[in-house]
Amino acid sequence: MGPGRAISSHRAEAGASSDSRAYDLLMGSPLILFSVFALAGFAIVIPQQWRGGSGNYPIILTEAVNAVFLGLQLVLVCTRRLPIAKAGGFRPRVWAFAGANFGYALLLLPRVTLGAAMAGLSSLIVVTGTLGSVVALMWLGKGFSIFPQARILVTGGPYTFVRHPLYLFEQWAMLGVALQYRQPWALLLVAVSLCLQFPRMHYEEEVLAETFAGYRDYKCITPRLIPRFPLRKQSSSPE
């Protein structure tokens, strides 16, 4: 798909993207249903684990922060702004769907029993990644979507450092989960999932650049995934 076609597709769909709230909720219904069922499961499991006194508090903490993330995701899908523009064609939606859901392939692998150190490391990575995702999602706010769409332009908070902090933190959390499954296949799935994010990001950036005038400047000064920290310059002392 050439640039000219991409622009025309975005503009052609801009009118359709101002559909009713009911249509937007219908499009988000799979995520809404998934979040509701997952939250219901956490509401049952977490109190049982806590009352059971198993002492497995890292797992409980991991489940709790995941519940917070899913709850926030559920609220935003139901209250988000209607899209201004969408990426046209079938391909952007396929990449977005694959990138958003490929991590569930980990569930096809057998779980392994981890030692105390590895279990703690896994929980630490999952918790920090999920908390980072919560922060990024809070900043993204009502601009949240799964498919490549332009709702609002967010450049503050974690978006000051990278253009896609939510994907960065989600992949980091997925790495922590992968440590709980058979290797090296679990880490291979993480690598594939990371690769799937790049075409997803490409289509998102394309529609954002065509919709928001300031996005191209933001894109030029902000890295995609890896933060760029300035190196401290050493002052030369006079001889």
C-alpha atoms as a PDB file:
ATOM      1  CA  MET A   1       0.000   0.000   0.000  1.00  0.00           C
ATOM      2  CA  GLY A   2       1.606   3.248  -1.142  1.00  0.00           C
ATOM      3  CA  PRO A   3       1.581   6.494   0.846  1.00  0.00           C
ATOM      4  CA  GLY A   4      -1.033   8.127  -1.387  1.00  0.00           C
ATOM      5  CA  ARG A   5      -3.403   5.234  -0.933  1.00  0.00           C
ATOM      6  CA  ALA A   6      -2.812   5.226   2.804  1.00  0.00           C
ATOM      7  CA  ILE A   7      -3.783   8.900   3.067  1.00  0.00           C
ATOM      8  CA  SER A   8      -6.938   8.467   1.038  1.00  0.00           C
ATOM      9  CA  SER A   9      -7.933   5.399   3.060  1.00  0.00           C
ATOM     10  CA  HIS A  10      -7.544   7.274   6.319  1.00  0.00           C
ATOM     11  CA  ARG A  11      -9.591  10.194   5.112  1.00  0.00           C
ATOM     12  CA  ALA A  12     -12.229   7.979   3.572  1.00  0.00           C
ATOM     13  CA  GLU A  13     -12.723   6.222   6.876  1.00  0.00           C
ATOM     14  CA  ALA A  14     -12.667   9.400   8.959  1.00  0.00           C
ATOM     15  CA  GLY A  15     -16.382   9.905   8.404  1.00  0.00           C
ATOM     16  CA  ALA A  16     -17.172   6.282   9.242  1.00  0.00           C
ATOM     17  CA  SER A  17     -15.051   6.547  12.374  1.00  0.00           C
ATOM     18  CA  SER A  18     -17.483   9.112  13.808  1.00  0.00           C
ATOM     19  CA  ASP A  19     -20.076   6.351  14.174  1.00  0.00           C
ATOM     20  CA  SER A  20     -22.258   6.023  17.231  1.00  0.00           C
ATOM     21  CA  ARG A  21     -20.991   5.105  20.668  1.00  0.00           C
ATOM     22  CA  ALA A  22     -22.858   1.818  20.288  1.00  0.00           C
ATOM     23  CA  TYR A  23     -20.772   0.889  17.241  1.00  0.00           C
ATOM     24  CA  ASP A  24     -17.528   1.671  19.050  1.00  0.00           C
ATOM     25  CA  LEU A  25     -18.618  -0.450  22.010  1.00  0.00           C
ATOM     26  CA  LEU A  26     -19.546  -3.264  19.637  1.00  0.00           C
ATOM     27  CA  MET A  27     -16.052  -3.170  18.128  1.00  0.00           C
ATOM     28  CA  GLY A  28     -14.567  -3.270  21.618  1.00  0.00           C
ATOM     29  CA  SER A  29     -16.896  -5.994  22.881  1.00  0.00           C
ATOM     30  CA  PRO A  30     -14.357  -8.881  22.633  1.00  0.00           C
ATOM     31  CA  LEU A  31     -11.941  -6.969  24.878  1.00  0.00           C
ATOM     32  CA  ILE A  32     -14.791  -5.951  27.188  1.00  0.00           C
ATOM     33  CA  LEU A  33     -15.958  -9.555  27.595  1.00  0.00           C
ATOM     34  CA  PHE A  34     -12.429 -10.846  28.117  1.00  0.00           C
ATOM     35  CA  SER A  35     -11.724  -8.198  30.763  1.00  0.00           C
ATOM     36  CA  VAL A  36     -14.994  -8.888  32.606  1.00  0.00           C
ATOM     37  CA  PHE A  37     -14.399 -12.653  32.760  1.00  0.00           C
ATOM     38  CA  ALA A  38     -10.752 -12.206  33.774  1.00  0.00           C
ATOM     39  CA  LEU A  39     -11.668  -9.739  36.517  1.00  0.00           C
ATOM     40  CA  ALA A  40     -14.357 -12.101  37.782  1.00  0.00           C
ATOM     41  CA  GLY A  41     -11.744 -14.853  37.944  1.00  0.00           C
ATOM     42  CA  PHE A  42      -9.303 -12.649  39.844  1.00  0.00           C
ATOM     43  CA  ALA A  43     -12.088 -11.628  42.241  1.00  0.00           C
ATOM     44  CA  ILE A  44     -12.571 -15.291  43.131  1.00  0.00           C
ATOM     45  CA  VAL A  45      -8.967 -16.517  43.095  1.00  0.00           C
ATOM     46  CA  ILE A  46      -7.139 -13.699  44.897  1.00  0.00           C
ATOM     47  CA  PRO A  47      -9.240 -13.794  48.124  1.00  0.00           C
ATOM     48  CA  GLN A  48      -8.989 -17.592  48.192  1.00  0.00           C
ATOM     49  CA  GLN A  49      -5.205 -17.463  47.895  1.00  0.00           C
ATOM     50  CA  TRP A  50      -4.984 -14.770  50.544  1.00  0.00           C
ATOM     51  CA  ARG A  51      -7.183 -16.661  53.027  1.00  0.00           C
ATOM     52  CA  GLY A  52      -5.372 -19.911  52.253  1.00  0.00           C
ATOM     53  CA  GLY A  53      -2.212 -18.564  53.842  1.00  0.00           C
ATOM     54  CA  SER A  54       0.025 -20.228  51.256  1.00  0.00           C
ATOM     55  CA  GLY A  55       2.530 -17.400  51.569  1.00  0.00           C
ATOM     56  CA  ASN A  56       2.748 -17.089  47.809  1.00  0.00           C
ATOM     57  CA  TYR A  57       2.458 -13.325  47.981  1.00  0.00           C
ATOM     58  CA  PRO A  58       4.453 -12.568  44.795  1.00  0.00           C
ATOM     59  CA  ILE A  59       1.839 -14.462  42.762  1.00  0.00           C
ATOM     60  CA  ILE A  60      -0.985 -12.651  44.546  1.00  0.00           C
ATOM     61  CA  LEU A  61       0.704  -9.308  43.844  1.00  0.00           C
ATOM     62  CA  THR A  62       1.134 -10.247  40.181  1.00  0.00           C
ATOM     63  CA  GLU A  63      -2.540 -11.145  39.877  1.00  0.00           C
ATOM     64  CA  ALA A  64      -3.594  -7.947  41.674  1.00  0.00           C
ATOM     65  CA  VAL A  65      -1.668  -5.611  39.351  1.00  0.00           C
ATOM     66  CA  ASN A  66      -2.969  -7.523  36.336  1.00  0.00           C
ATOM     67  CA  ALA A  67      -6.492  -7.012  37.665  1.00  0.00           C
ATOM     68  CA  VAL A  68      -5.825  -3.265  37.955  1.00  0.00           C
ATOM     69  CA  PHE A  69      -4.578  -3.177  34.357  1.00  0.00           C
ATOM     70  CA  LEU A  70      -7.593  -5.094  33.058  1.00  0.00           C
ATOM     71  CA  GLY A  71      -9.982  -2.918  35.052  1.00  0.00           C
ATOM     72  CA  LEU A  72      -8.450   0.264  33.659  1.00  0.00           C
ATOM     73  CA  GLN A  73      -8.534  -1.199  30.158  1.00  0.00           C
ATOM     74  CA  LEU A  74     -12.216  -2.042  30.595  1.00  0.00           C
ATOM     75  CA  VAL A  75     -13.099   1.477  31.747  1.00  0.00           C
ATOM     76  CA  LEU A  76     -11.197   3.118  28.894  1.00  0.00           C
ATOM     77  CA  VAL A  77     -12.749   0.928  26.197  1.00  0.00           C
ATOM     78  CA  CYS A  78     -16.186   1.925  27.460  1.00  0.00           C
ATOM     79  CA  THR A  79     -15.435   5.656  27.819  1.00  0.00           C
ATOM     80  CA  ARG A  80     -12.793   6.385  25.152  1.00  0.00           C
ATOM     81  CA  ARG A  81     -13.206   9.041  22.500  1.00  0.00           C
ATOM     82  CA  LEU A  82     -14.553   8.031  19.130  1.00  0.00           C
ATOM     83  CA  PRO A  83     -11.808   7.697  16.500  1.00  0.00           C
ATOM     84  CA  ILE A  84     -11.023  10.597  14.193  1.00  0.00           C
ATOM     85  CA  ALA A  85      -9.405   8.341  11.592  1.00  0.00           C
ATOM     86  CA  LYS A  86      -8.540   4.684  11.053  1.00  0.00           C
ATOM     87  CA  ALA A  87      -5.928   2.796   9.077  1.00  0.00           C
ATOM     88  CA  GLY A  88      -7.577   1.516   5.930  1.00  0.00           C
ATOM     89  CA  GLY A  89      -7.488  -2.033   4.642  1.00  0.00           C
ATOM     90  CA  PHE A  90      -7.356  -5.487   6.172  1.00  0.00           C
ATOM     91  CA  ARG A  91      -3.607  -5.775   6.777  1.00  0.00           C
ATOM     92  CA  PRO A  92      -3.288  -3.203   9.614  1.00  0.00           C
ATOM     93  CA  ARG A  93      -6.050  -4.964  11.536  1.00  0.00           C
ATOM     94  CA  VAL A  94      -4.413  -8.367  11.119  1.00  0.00           C
ATOM     95  CA  TRP A  95      -1.071  -7.110  12.420  1.00  0.00           C
ATOM     96  CA  ALA A  96      -2.758  -5.360  15.328  1.00  0.00           C
ATOM     97  CA  PHE A  97      -4.749  -8.457  16.269  1.00  0.00           C
ATOM     98  CA  ALA A  98      -1.666 -10.681  16.034  1.00  0.00           C
ATOM     99  CA  GLY A  99       0.505  -8.295  18.042  1.00  0.00           C
ATOM    100  CA  ALA A 100      -2.103  -7.867  20.763  1.00  0.00           C
ATOM    101  CA  ASN A 101      -2.891 -11.568  21.218  1.00  0.00           C
ATOM    102  CA  PHE A 102       0.185 -13.594  20.289  1.00  0.00           C
ATOM    103  CA  GLY A 103       1.365 -13.658  23.904  1.00  0.00           C
ATOM    104  CA  TYR A 104      -1.427 -16.079  24.761  1.00  0.00           C
ATOM    105  CA  ALA A 105       0.506 -18.713  22.806  1.00  0.00           C
ATOM    106  CA  LEU A 106       2.555 -19.154  25.989  1.00  0.00           C
ATOM    107  CA  LEU A 107      -0.422 -21.009  27.447  1.00  0.00           C
ATOM    108  CA  LEU A 108       0.191 -23.803  24.926  1.00  0.00           C
ATOM    109  CA  LEU A 109       3.532 -24.612  26.575  1.00  0.00           C
ATOM    110  CA  PRO A 110       3.959 -26.672  29.746  1.00  0.00           C
ATOM    111  CA  ARG A 111       4.711 -24.696  32.887  1.00  0.00           C
ATOM    112  CA  VAL A 112       7.873 -25.411  34.855  1.00  0.00           C
ATOM    113  CA  THR A 113       8.594 -25.369  38.559  1.00  0.00           C
ATOM    114  CA  LEU A 114      10.854 -22.454  39.396  1.00  0.00           C
ATOM    115  CA  GLY A 115      13.229 -22.083  42.279  1.00  0.00           C
ATOM    116  CA  ALA A 116      12.692 -19.286  44.767  1.00  0.00           C
ATOM    117  CA  ALA A 117      15.123 -16.929  43.015  1.00  0.00           C
ATOM    118  CA  MET A 118      13.673 -17.426  39.521  1.00  0.00           C
ATOM    119  CA  ALA A 119      10.109 -17.220  40.822  1.00  0.00           C
ATOM    120  CA  GLY A 120      10.942 -13.934  42.504  1.00  0.00           C
ATOM    121  CA  LEU A 121      12.616 -12.620  39.340  1.00  0.00           C
ATOM    122  CA  SER A 122       9.622 -13.635  37.227  1.00  0.00           C
ATOM    123  CA  SER A 123       7.194 -11.891  39.586  1.00  0.00           C
ATOM    124  CA  LEU A 124       9.379  -8.772  39.716  1.00  0.00           C
ATOM    125  CA  ILE A 125       9.472  -8.483  35.920  1.00  0.00           C
ATOM    126  CA  VAL A 126       5.732  -9.100  35.583  1.00  0.00           C
ATOM    127  CA  VAL A 127       4.831  -6.607  38.302  1.00  0.00           C
ATOM    128  CA  THR A 128       7.110  -3.833  37.030  1.00  0.00           C
ATOM    129  CA  GLY A 129       6.009  -4.415  33.447  1.00  0.00           C
ATOM    130  CA  THR A 130       2.331  -4.395  34.364  1.00  0.00           C
ATOM    131  CA  LEU A 131       2.659  -1.319  36.573  1.00  0.00           C
ATOM    132  CA  GLY A 132       4.467   0.429  33.725  1.00  0.00           C
ATOM    133  CA  SER A 133       1.624  -0.600  31.413  1.00  0.00           C
ATOM    134  CA  VAL A 134      -0.881   0.876  33.871  1.00  0.00           C
ATOM    135  CA  VAL A 135       0.990   4.193  33.919  1.00  0.00           C
ATOM    136  CA  ALA A 136       1.235   4.283  30.116  1.00  0.00           C
ATOM    137  CA  LEU A 137      -2.440   3.384  29.797  1.00  0.00           C
ATOM    138  CA  MET A 138      -3.417   6.147  32.231  1.00  0.00           C
ATOM    139  CA  TRP A 139      -1.547   8.682  30.109  1.00  0.00           C
ATOM    140  CA  LEU A 140      -3.003   7.295  26.897  1.00  0.00           C
ATOM    141  CA  GLY A 141      -6.434   7.537  28.486  1.00  0.00           C
ATOM    142  CA  LYS A 142      -9.349   7.881  26.118  1.00  0.00           C
ATOM    143  CA  GLY A 143      -7.040   7.506  23.130  1.00  0.00           C
ATOM    144  CA  PHE A 144      -6.670   3.761  23.841  1.00  0.00           C
ATOM    145  CA  SER A 145      -7.440   1.324  21.022  1.00  0.00           C
ATOM    146  CA  ILE A 146      -6.283  -2.059  19.773  1.00  0.00           C
ATOM    147  CA  PHE A 147      -6.464  -1.375  16.036  1.00  0.00           C
ATOM    148  CA  PRO A 148      -4.553   1.476  14.322  1.00  0.00           C
ATOM    149  CA  GLN A 149      -6.757   4.493  14.980  1.00  0.00           C
ATOM    150  CA  ALA A 150      -6.328   8.196  15.740  1.00  0.00           C
ATOM    151  CA  ARG A 151      -8.363   9.327  18.735  1.00  0.00           C
ATOM    152  CA  ILE A 152      -6.129  11.819  20.566  1.00  0.00           C
ATOM    153  CA  LEU A 153      -2.426  12.620  20.392  1.00  0.00           C
ATOM    154  CA  VAL A 154      -0.517  11.903  23.594  1.00  0.00           C
ATOM    155  CA  THR A 155       3.101  13.064  23.924  1.00  0.00           C
ATOM    156  CA  GLY A 156       3.461  13.536  27.684  1.00  0.00           C
ATOM    157  CA  GLY A 157       4.404  11.268  30.583  1.00  0.00           C
ATOM    158  CA  PRO A 158       6.068   8.039  29.423  1.00  0.00           C
ATOM    159  CA  TYR A 159       5.333   9.102  25.841  1.00  0.00           C
ATOM    160  CA  THR A 160       7.983  11.770  26.316  1.00  0.00           C
ATOM    161  CA  PHE A 161      10.672   9.078  26.288  1.00  0.00           C
ATOM    162  CA  VAL A 162       9.366   6.603  23.685  1.00  0.00           C
ATOM    163  CA  ARG A 163       6.525   6.614  21.179  1.00  0.00           C
ATOM    164  CA  HIS A 164       5.124   3.251  22.304  1.00  0.00           C
ATOM    165  CA  PRO A 165       5.680   2.815  26.057  1.00  0.00           C
ATOM    166  CA  LEU A 166       2.617   0.600  26.449  1.00  0.00           C
ATOM    167  CA  TYR A 167       4.015  -1.999  24.057  1.00  0.00           C
ATOM    168  CA  LEU A 168       7.441  -1.765  25.697  1.00  0.00           C
ATOM    169  CA  PHE A 169       6.043  -2.493  29.166  1.00  0.00           C
ATOM    170  CA  GLU A 170       3.708  -5.213  27.893  1.00  0.00           C
ATOM    171  CA  GLN A 171       6.605  -7.029  26.258  1.00  0.00           C
ATOM    172  CA  TRP A 172       8.651  -6.697  29.439  1.00  0.00           C
ATOM    173  CA  ALA A 173       5.789  -8.211  31.455  1.00  0.00           C
ATOM    174  CA  MET A 174       5.463 -10.999  28.890  1.00  0.00           C
ATOM    175  CA  LEU A 175       9.135 -11.813  29.411  1.00  0.00           C
ATOM    176  CA  GLY A 176       8.452 -12.313  33.117  1.00  0.00           C
ATOM    177  CA  VAL A 177       5.553 -14.633  32.358  1.00  0.00           C
ATOM    178  CA  ALA A 178       7.644 -16.566  29.826  1.00  0.00           C
ATOM    179  CA  LEU A 179      10.148 -17.497  32.535  1.00  0.00           C
ATOM    180  CA  GLN A 180       7.425 -19.694  34.043  1.00  0.00           C
ATOM    181  CA  TYR A 181       7.203 -21.878  30.920  1.00  0.00           C
ATOM    182  CA  ARG A 182       9.440 -24.368  29.140  1.00  0.00           C
ATOM    183  CA  GLN A 183      12.573 -22.931  27.551  1.00  0.00           C
ATOM    184  CA  PRO A 184      13.796 -22.034  25.018  1.00  0.00           C
ATOM    185  CA  TRP A 185      10.363 -22.092  23.376  1.00  0.00           C
ATOM    186  CA  ALA A 186       8.836 -19.530  25.726  1.00  0.00           C
ATOM    187  CA  LEU A 187      11.576 -16.988  25.060  1.00  0.00           C
ATOM    188  CA  LEU A 188      11.238 -17.677  21.341  1.00  0.00           C
ATOM    189  CA  LEU A 189       7.537 -16.764  21.566  1.00  0.00           C
ATOM    190  CA  VAL A 190       8.492 -13.532  23.342  1.00  0.00           C
ATOM    191  CA  ALA A 191      10.868 -12.699  20.493  1.00  0.00           C
ATOM    192  CA  VAL A 192       8.156 -13.392  17.901  1.00  0.00           C
ATOM    193  CA  SER A 193       5.687 -11.262  19.846  1.00  0.00           C
ATOM    194  CA  LEU A 194       8.183  -8.396  19.929  1.00  0.00           C
ATOM    195  CA  CYS A 195       8.680  -8.645  16.157  1.00  0.00           C
ATOM    196  CA  LEU A 196       4.915  -8.502  15.618  1.00  0.00           C
ATOM    197  CA  GLN A 197       4.772  -5.119  17.346  1.00  0.00           C
ATOM    198  CA  PHE A 198       6.822  -3.382  14.629  1.00  0.00           C
ATOM    199  CA  PRO A 199       4.303  -3.571  11.758  1.00  0.00           C
ATOM    200  CA  ARG A 200       1.616  -2.751  14.313  1.00  0.00           C
ATOM    201  CA  MET A 201       3.516   0.384  15.345  1.00  0.00           C
ATOM    202  CA  HIS A 202       4.152   1.285  11.712  1.00  0.00           C
ATOM    203  CA  TYR A 203       0.450   1.414  10.840  1.00  0.00           C
ATOM    204  CA  GLU A 204      -0.396   3.308  14.026  1.00  0.00           C
ATOM    205  CA  GLU A 205       2.268   5.917  13.315  1.00  0.00           C
ATOM    206  CA  GLU A 206       1.083   6.221   9.735  1.00  0.00           C
ATOM    207  CA  VAL A 207      -2.490   7.126  10.685  1.00  0.00           C
ATOM    208  CA  LEU A 208      -1.343   9.421  13.508  1.00  0.00           C
ATOM    209  CA  ALA A 209       1.000  11.296  11.180  1.00  0.00           C
ATOM    210  CA  GLU A 210      -1.803  11.838   8.663  1.00  0.00           C
ATOM    211  CA  THR A 211      -4.239  12.990  11.334  1.00  0.00           C
ATOM    212  CA  PHE A 212      -2.210  15.155  13.729  1.00  0.00           C
ATOM    213  CA  ALA A 213       0.026  17.900  12.354  1.00  0.00           C
ATOM    214  CA  GLY A 214       2.456  17.730  15.262  1.00  0.00           C
ATOM    215  CA  TYR A 215       3.074  13.995  15.137  1.00  0.00           C
ATOM    216  CA  ARG A 216       5.878  14.086  12.563  1.00  0.00           C
ATOM    217  CA  ASP A 217       7.913  16.494  14.705  1.00  0.00           C
ATOM    218  CA  TYR A 218       7.242  14.350  17.768  1.00  0.00           C
ATOM    219  CA  LYS A 219       8.325  11.251  15.835  1.00  0.00           C
ATOM    220  CA  CYS A 220      11.613  12.902  14.799  1.00  0.00           C
ATOM    221  CA  ILE A 221      12.700  13.634  18.378  1.00  0.00           C
ATOM    222  CA  THR A 222      11.241  10.631  20.226  1.00  0.00           C
ATOM    223  CA  PRO A 223      12.589   7.074  19.823  1.00  0.00           C
ATOM    224  CA  ARG A 224      10.174   4.280  19.047  1.00  0.00           C
ATOM    225  CA  LEU A 225      10.828   1.772  21.853  1.00  0.00           C
ATOM    226  CA  ILE A 226      14.227   2.251  23.495  1.00  0.00           C
ATOM    227  CA  PRO A 227      14.613   5.457  25.539  1.00  0.00           C
ATOM    228  CA  ARG A 228      17.497   7.665  24.521  1.00  0.00           C
ATOM    229  CA  PHE A 229      19.219   9.065  27.571  1.00  0.00           C
ATOM    230  CA  PRO A 230      21.670  11.929  27.020  1.00  0.00           C
ATOM    231  CA  LEU A 231      25.273  11.122  27.795  1.00  0.00           C
ATOM    232  CA  ARG A 232      26.976  13.353  30.294  1.00  0.00           C
ATOM    233  CA  LYS A 233      29.531  15.505  28.553  1.00  0.00           C
ATOM    234  CA  GLN A 234      32.920  15.630  30.159  1.00  0.00           C
ATOM    235  CA  SER A 235      34.259  19.135  30.433  1.00  0.00           C
ATOM    236  CA  SER A 236      37.864  19.439  29.392  1.00  0.00           C
ATOM    237  CA  SER A 237      40.035  21.045  32.026  1.00  0.00           C
ATOM    238  CA  PRO A 238      42.454  23.741  30.874  1.00  0.00           C
ATOM    239  CA  GLU A 239      46.059  22.688  30.775  1.00  0.00           C
END
